[in-house]
């Protein structure tokens, strides 16, 4: 799953774990704690996703996820629900 990017309609952040998909991995001044069905994890790293901007980064994660809400803020999305 580290080679996939999922689009999630419940997530409020962009979260990546594959360092080959992002650039400029760097320390953040804040820490993001993510609560999932697999437990809680925290990261203080951010990275840049080319073409989109800043994302939270944790190389111990299991999946790369984009927030539908944040994508809708930047781009027009059309989908059939």
N, C-alpha and C. Protein backbone atom coordinates (compact mmCIF):
# COMPACT_ATOMS: atom_id res chain seq x y z
N UNK A 1 0.81 -1.20 0.00
CA UNK A 1 0.00 0.00 0.00
C UNK A 1 0.86 1.27 0.00
N UNK A 2 2.15 1.14 0.27
CA UNK A 2 3.01 2.32 0.28
C UNK A 2 3.19 2.93 -1.11
N UNK A 3 2.81 2.19 -2.15
CA UNK A 3 2.95 2.70 -3.51
C UNK A 3 1.64 3.26 -4.05
N UNK A 4 0.58 3.25 -3.25
CA UNK A 4 -0.72 3.78 -3.64
C UNK A 4 -0.95 5.12 -2.96
N UNK A 5 -1.84 5.92 -3.57
CA UNK A 5 -2.34 7.13 -2.94
C UNK A 5 -3.85 6.99 -2.85
N UNK A 6 -4.38 7.00 -1.64
CA UNK A 6 -5.81 6.89 -1.42
C UNK A 6 -6.42 8.27 -1.24
N UNK A 7 -7.65 8.43 -1.69
CA UNK A 7 -8.40 9.66 -1.50
C UNK A 7 -9.46 9.35 -0.45
N UNK A 8 -9.43 10.08 0.68
CA UNK A 8 -10.29 9.76 1.81
C UNK A 8 -11.24 10.92 2.10
N UNK A 9 -12.53 10.62 2.27
CA UNK A 9 -13.50 11.68 2.52
C UNK A 9 -13.72 11.95 4.01
N UNK A 10 -12.98 11.28 4.89
CA UNK A 10 -13.10 11.52 6.33
C UNK A 10 -11.86 12.20 6.91
N UNK A 11 -10.75 12.12 6.22
CA UNK A 11 -9.50 12.66 6.72
C UNK A 11 -9.43 14.17 6.54
N UNK A 12 -8.80 14.86 7.49
CA UNK A 12 -8.69 16.32 7.41
C UNK A 12 -7.27 16.78 7.12
N UNK A 13 -6.37 15.83 6.88
CA UNK A 13 -4.97 16.15 6.54
C UNK A 13 -4.53 15.27 5.38
N UNK A 14 -3.44 15.67 4.73
CA UNK A 14 -2.75 14.80 3.77
C UNK A 14 -1.64 14.10 4.54
N UNK A 15 -1.50 12.78 4.35
CA UNK A 15 -0.55 11.98 5.13
C UNK A 15 0.19 11.02 4.20
N UNK A 16 1.52 11.09 4.19
CA UNK A 16 2.31 10.25 3.30
C UNK A 16 3.38 9.49 4.07
N UNK A 17 3.68 8.29 3.56
CA UNK A 17 4.72 7.46 4.18
C UNK A 17 5.80 7.05 3.18
N UNK A 18 5.56 7.25 1.90
CA UNK A 18 6.51 6.84 0.87
C UNK A 18 7.39 8.04 0.50
N UNK A 19 8.65 7.99 0.91
CA UNK A 19 9.55 9.13 0.67
C UNK A 19 9.89 9.32 -0.80
N UNK A 20 9.61 8.32 -1.64
CA UNK A 20 9.86 8.48 -3.07
C UNK A 20 8.78 9.32 -3.75
N UNK A 21 7.65 9.55 -3.08
CA UNK A 21 6.56 10.33 -3.66
C UNK A 21 6.64 11.81 -3.29
N UNK A 22 7.46 12.14 -2.31
CA UNK A 22 7.52 13.51 -1.80
C UNK A 22 8.94 14.06 -1.89
N UNK A 23 9.04 15.35 -1.70
CA UNK A 23 10.35 16.02 -1.66
C UNK A 23 10.43 16.85 -0.39
N UNK A 24 11.58 17.34 -0.09
CA UNK A 24 11.80 18.30 1.00
C UNK A 24 11.23 17.84 2.34
N UNK A 25 11.57 16.65 2.76
CA UNK A 25 11.14 16.18 4.08
C UNK A 25 11.87 17.01 5.13
N UNK A 26 11.10 17.55 6.08
CA UNK A 26 11.68 18.48 7.05
C UNK A 26 10.92 18.42 8.37
N UNK A 27 11.57 18.91 9.42
CA UNK A 27 10.93 19.01 10.73
C UNK A 27 9.85 20.08 10.69
N UNK A 28 8.79 19.85 11.46
CA UNK A 28 7.71 20.81 11.60
C UNK A 28 7.78 21.42 13.00
N UNK A 29 7.26 22.62 13.16
CA UNK A 29 7.21 23.25 14.46
C UNK A 29 6.13 22.64 15.35
N UNK A 30 5.21 21.90 14.74
CA UNK A 30 4.12 21.25 15.48
C UNK A 30 4.15 19.75 15.25
N UNK A 31 3.41 19.04 16.06
CA UNK A 31 3.29 17.58 15.94
C UNK A 31 1.86 17.24 15.57
N UNK A 32 1.69 16.31 14.64
CA UNK A 32 0.37 15.84 14.24
C UNK A 32 0.18 14.44 14.81
N UNK A 33 -0.89 14.25 15.58
CA UNK A 33 -1.25 12.92 16.07
C UNK A 33 -2.44 12.43 15.28
N UNK A 34 -2.31 11.24 14.74
CA UNK A 34 -3.35 10.66 13.89
C UNK A 34 -3.96 9.48 14.62
N UNK A 35 -5.28 9.49 14.76
CA UNK A 35 -6.00 8.40 15.42
C UNK A 35 -6.63 7.53 14.34
N UNK A 36 -6.25 6.25 14.29
CA UNK A 36 -6.77 5.34 13.28
C UNK A 36 -7.28 4.07 13.94
N UNK A 37 -7.89 3.20 13.14
CA UNK A 37 -8.35 1.92 13.69
C UNK A 37 -7.17 1.02 14.05
N UNK A 38 -5.98 1.36 13.60
CA UNK A 38 -4.78 0.59 13.96
C UNK A 38 -4.07 1.18 15.18
N UNK A 39 -4.62 2.27 15.72
CA UNK A 39 -4.02 2.92 16.88
C UNK A 39 -3.65 4.36 16.57
N UNK A 40 -2.90 4.96 17.46
CA UNK A 40 -2.48 6.36 17.32
C UNK A 40 -1.02 6.42 16.91
N UNK A 41 -0.70 7.41 16.10
CA UNK A 41 0.69 7.66 15.72
C UNK A 41 0.90 9.16 15.62
N UNK A 42 2.10 9.59 15.89
CA UNK A 42 2.43 11.02 15.83
C UNK A 42 3.62 11.23 14.92
N UNK A 43 3.65 12.40 14.29
CA UNK A 43 4.79 12.78 13.47
C UNK A 43 5.02 14.28 13.60
N UNK A 44 6.27 14.66 13.52
CA UNK A 44 6.61 16.08 13.48
C UNK A 44 7.35 16.39 12.18
N UNK A 45 7.10 15.58 11.16
CA UNK A 45 7.72 15.78 9.85
C UNK A 45 6.68 16.22 8.82
N UNK A 46 7.08 17.12 7.96
CA UNK A 46 6.28 17.49 6.81
C UNK A 46 7.13 17.32 5.57
N UNK A 47 6.45 17.25 4.43
CA UNK A 47 7.13 17.11 3.15
C UNK A 47 6.31 17.87 2.11
N UNK A 48 6.85 17.95 0.91
CA UNK A 48 6.15 18.59 -0.20
C UNK A 48 5.76 17.53 -1.21
N UNK A 49 4.48 17.49 -1.56
CA UNK A 49 4.00 16.62 -2.63
C UNK A 49 3.96 17.46 -3.89
N UNK A 50 4.81 17.15 -4.88
CA UNK A 50 4.85 17.97 -6.09
C UNK A 50 3.47 18.13 -6.72
N UNK A 51 3.14 19.37 -7.06
CA UNK A 51 1.86 19.68 -7.67
C UNK A 51 0.74 19.94 -6.68
N UNK A 52 0.99 19.67 -5.40
CA UNK A 52 -0.07 19.86 -4.41
C UNK A 52 0.35 20.75 -3.25
N UNK A 53 1.52 20.50 -2.68
CA UNK A 53 1.98 21.31 -1.57
C UNK A 53 2.37 20.47 -0.37
N UNK A 54 2.21 21.03 0.83
CA UNK A 54 2.67 20.39 2.05
C UNK A 54 1.78 19.23 2.47
N UNK A 55 2.41 18.17 2.96
CA UNK A 55 1.74 17.01 3.51
C UNK A 55 2.46 16.61 4.79
N UNK A 56 1.77 15.90 5.68
CA UNK A 56 2.43 15.31 6.83
C UNK A 56 3.13 14.05 6.38
N UNK A 57 4.28 13.73 6.99
CA UNK A 57 5.08 12.59 6.56
C UNK A 57 5.49 11.73 7.75
N UNK A 58 5.39 10.41 7.57
CA UNK A 58 5.83 9.45 8.57
C UNK A 58 6.23 8.17 7.85
N UNK A 59 7.52 7.88 7.78
CA UNK A 59 7.97 6.70 7.03
C UNK A 59 7.58 5.39 7.69
N UNK A 60 7.05 5.44 8.92
CA UNK A 60 6.57 4.24 9.58
C UNK A 60 5.10 3.97 9.25
N UNK A 61 4.48 4.84 8.50
CA UNK A 61 3.07 4.68 8.13
C UNK A 61 2.87 3.54 7.16
N UNK A 62 1.61 3.24 6.89
CA UNK A 62 1.28 2.12 6.02
C UNK A 62 0.63 2.54 4.70
N UNK A 63 0.21 3.80 4.59
CA UNK A 63 -0.54 4.23 3.42
C UNK A 63 -0.34 5.73 3.18
N UNK A 64 -0.48 6.12 1.94
CA UNK A 64 -0.43 7.53 1.55
C UNK A 64 -1.87 7.97 1.31
N UNK A 65 -2.29 9.06 1.95
CA UNK A 65 -3.70 9.45 1.88
C UNK A 65 -3.82 10.95 1.62
N UNK A 66 -4.70 11.28 0.69
CA UNK A 66 -5.07 12.67 0.44
C UNK A 66 -6.45 12.92 1.03
N UNK A 67 -6.64 14.08 1.61
CA UNK A 67 -7.93 14.49 2.15
C UNK A 67 -8.79 15.05 1.03
N UNK A 68 -9.97 14.47 0.82
CA UNK A 68 -10.88 14.97 -0.21
C UNK A 68 -11.25 16.42 0.06
N UNK A 69 -11.49 16.77 1.32
CA UNK A 69 -11.86 18.15 1.66
C UNK A 69 -10.77 19.14 1.28
N UNK A 70 -9.51 18.80 1.55
CA UNK A 70 -8.42 19.70 1.20
C UNK A 70 -8.19 19.77 -0.31
N UNK A 71 -8.42 18.68 -1.01
CA UNK A 71 -8.31 18.69 -2.47
C UNK A 71 -9.42 19.57 -3.06
N UNK A 72 -10.64 19.46 -2.50
CA UNK A 72 -11.76 20.28 -2.98
C UNK A 72 -11.51 21.76 -2.75
N UNK A 73 -10.75 22.10 -1.72
CA UNK A 73 -10.40 23.51 -1.49
C UNK A 73 -9.51 24.07 -2.58
N UNK A 74 -8.76 23.20 -3.24
CA UNK A 74 -7.78 23.64 -4.23
C UNK A 74 -8.22 23.40 -5.68
N UNK A 75 -8.98 22.33 -5.89
CA UNK A 75 -9.38 21.94 -7.25
C UNK A 75 -10.87 21.62 -7.30
N UNK A 76 -11.46 21.77 -8.48
CA UNK A 76 -12.84 21.34 -8.67
C UNK A 76 -12.84 19.84 -8.91
N UNK A 77 -13.68 19.13 -8.17
CA UNK A 77 -13.74 17.68 -8.27
C UNK A 77 -15.16 17.29 -8.71
N UNK A 78 -15.23 16.40 -9.67
CA UNK A 78 -16.50 15.84 -10.10
C UNK A 78 -16.44 14.35 -9.88
N UNK A 79 -17.45 13.82 -9.19
CA UNK A 79 -17.47 12.37 -8.97
C UNK A 79 -18.91 11.91 -8.86
N UNK A 80 -19.12 10.64 -9.10
CA UNK A 80 -20.44 10.03 -9.02
C UNK A 80 -20.51 9.25 -7.72
N UNK A 81 -21.35 9.69 -6.80
CA UNK A 81 -21.45 9.01 -5.51
C UNK A 81 -22.64 8.08 -5.52
